[in-house]
Amino acid sequence: MRLAQRKSRLSFITNSTARYRGKDREIVIEVYPDYAAVRLLGTRTRYEASWRAIHDLAAEIYARREKERRSAERKAHARNK
């Protein structure tokens, strides 16, 4: 089923937490057809991000981790010579 066709609201309470006003609160992801919203459990403030922005951020994180992994492999290979 496509997200745009979904009738019920879709949200996830993650295992990740963030500290807000002296309490650790779970991070909630609310899914909408055109964007996603992130908020802390028990708060109303939502941070919206387009799906394109989420994809671009994930791709950037992936590229950075791959670069770090390759660099670590080169360093380990150079030490073993």
Protein backbone atom coordinates (compact mmCIF):
# COMPACT_ATOMS: atom_id res chain seq x y z
CA MET A 1 0.00 0.00 0.00
CA ARG A 2 1.27 3.46 -0.84
CA LEU A 3 1.65 5.99 1.92
CA ALA A 4 -0.63 8.48 0.12
CA GLN A 5 -3.45 5.89 0.15
CA ARG A 6 -3.13 5.11 3.85
CA LYS A 7 -6.15 6.17 5.91
CA SER A 8 -4.76 5.73 9.41
CA ARG A 9 -2.03 7.83 10.95
CA LEU A 10 1.42 6.25 11.02
CA SER A 11 3.87 7.06 13.80
CA PHE A 12 6.80 5.33 15.47
CA ILE A 13 8.16 5.71 18.98
CA THR A 14 11.86 4.94 18.68
CA ASN A 15 14.30 3.56 21.23
CA SER A 16 16.43 6.68 20.86
CA THR A 17 16.05 9.46 23.41
CA ALA A 18 16.92 13.12 23.69
CA ARG A 19 17.15 15.22 26.81
CA TYR A 20 14.52 17.97 27.04
CA ARG A 21 13.76 20.06 30.12
CA GLY A 22 15.61 17.71 32.42
CA LYS A 23 14.02 14.49 31.16
CA ASP A 24 15.07 11.87 28.65
CA ARG A 25 12.23 11.56 26.15
CA GLU A 26 11.72 9.08 23.35
CA ILE A 27 11.87 10.36 19.79
CA VAL A 28 8.64 10.02 17.81
CA ILE A 29 8.55 9.88 14.01
CA GLU A 30 5.23 10.87 12.43
CA VAL A 31 4.87 9.83 8.80
CA TYR A 32 2.91 11.84 6.24
CA PRO A 33 2.77 11.35 2.45
CA ASP A 34 4.81 14.47 1.63
CA TYR A 35 7.07 14.71 4.68
CA ALA A 36 8.01 13.27 8.06
CA ALA A 37 7.82 15.05 11.40
CA VAL A 38 10.08 14.38 14.36
CA ARG A 39 9.14 15.31 17.90
CA LEU A 40 9.84 14.23 21.44
CA LEU A 41 7.28 12.15 23.30
CA GLY A 42 5.15 14.40 25.48
CA THR A 43 5.88 17.57 23.51
CA ARG A 44 4.08 19.38 20.71
CA THR A 45 7.02 20.91 18.86
CA ARG A 46 7.47 19.15 15.52
CA TYR A 47 10.41 19.37 13.19
CA GLU A 48 9.33 18.62 9.64
CA ALA A 49 11.61 17.27 6.91
CA SER A 50 10.84 16.33 3.33
CA TRP A 51 11.50 12.77 2.24
CA ARG A 52 14.10 14.14 -0.18
CA ALA A 53 15.97 15.83 2.68
CA ILE A 54 15.90 12.60 4.69
CA HIS A 55 17.26 10.65 1.72
CA ASP A 56 20.02 13.21 1.10
CA LEU A 57 21.05 13.15 4.77
CA ALA A 58 21.10 9.34 4.85
CA ALA A 59 23.21 9.25 1.66
CA GLU A 60 25.64 11.78 3.13
CA ILE A 61 25.99 9.77 6.36
CA TYR A 62 26.55 6.58 4.35
CA ALA A 63 29.23 8.23 2.20
CA ARG A 64 31.02 9.62 5.26
CA ARG A 65 31.04 6.23 7.01
CA GLU A 66 32.32 4.47 3.89
CA LYS A 67 35.11 7.03 3.54
CA GLU A 68 36.08 6.54 7.20
CA ARG A 69 35.97 2.74 6.81
CA ARG A 70 38.21 2.81 3.72
CA SER A 71 40.62 5.17 5.45
CA ALA A 72 40.83 2.87 8.49
CA GLU A 73 41.44 -0.13 6.22
CA ARG A 74 44.29 1.71 4.44
CA LYS A 75 45.86 2.65 7.77
CA ALA A 76 45.58 -0.91 9.07
CA HIS A 77 47.06 -2.24 5.83
CA ALA A 78 49.96 0.24 6.03
CA ARG A 79 50.73 -0.77 9.64
CA ASN A 80 50.81 -4.47 8.73
CA LYS A 81 53.44 -3.98 6.01
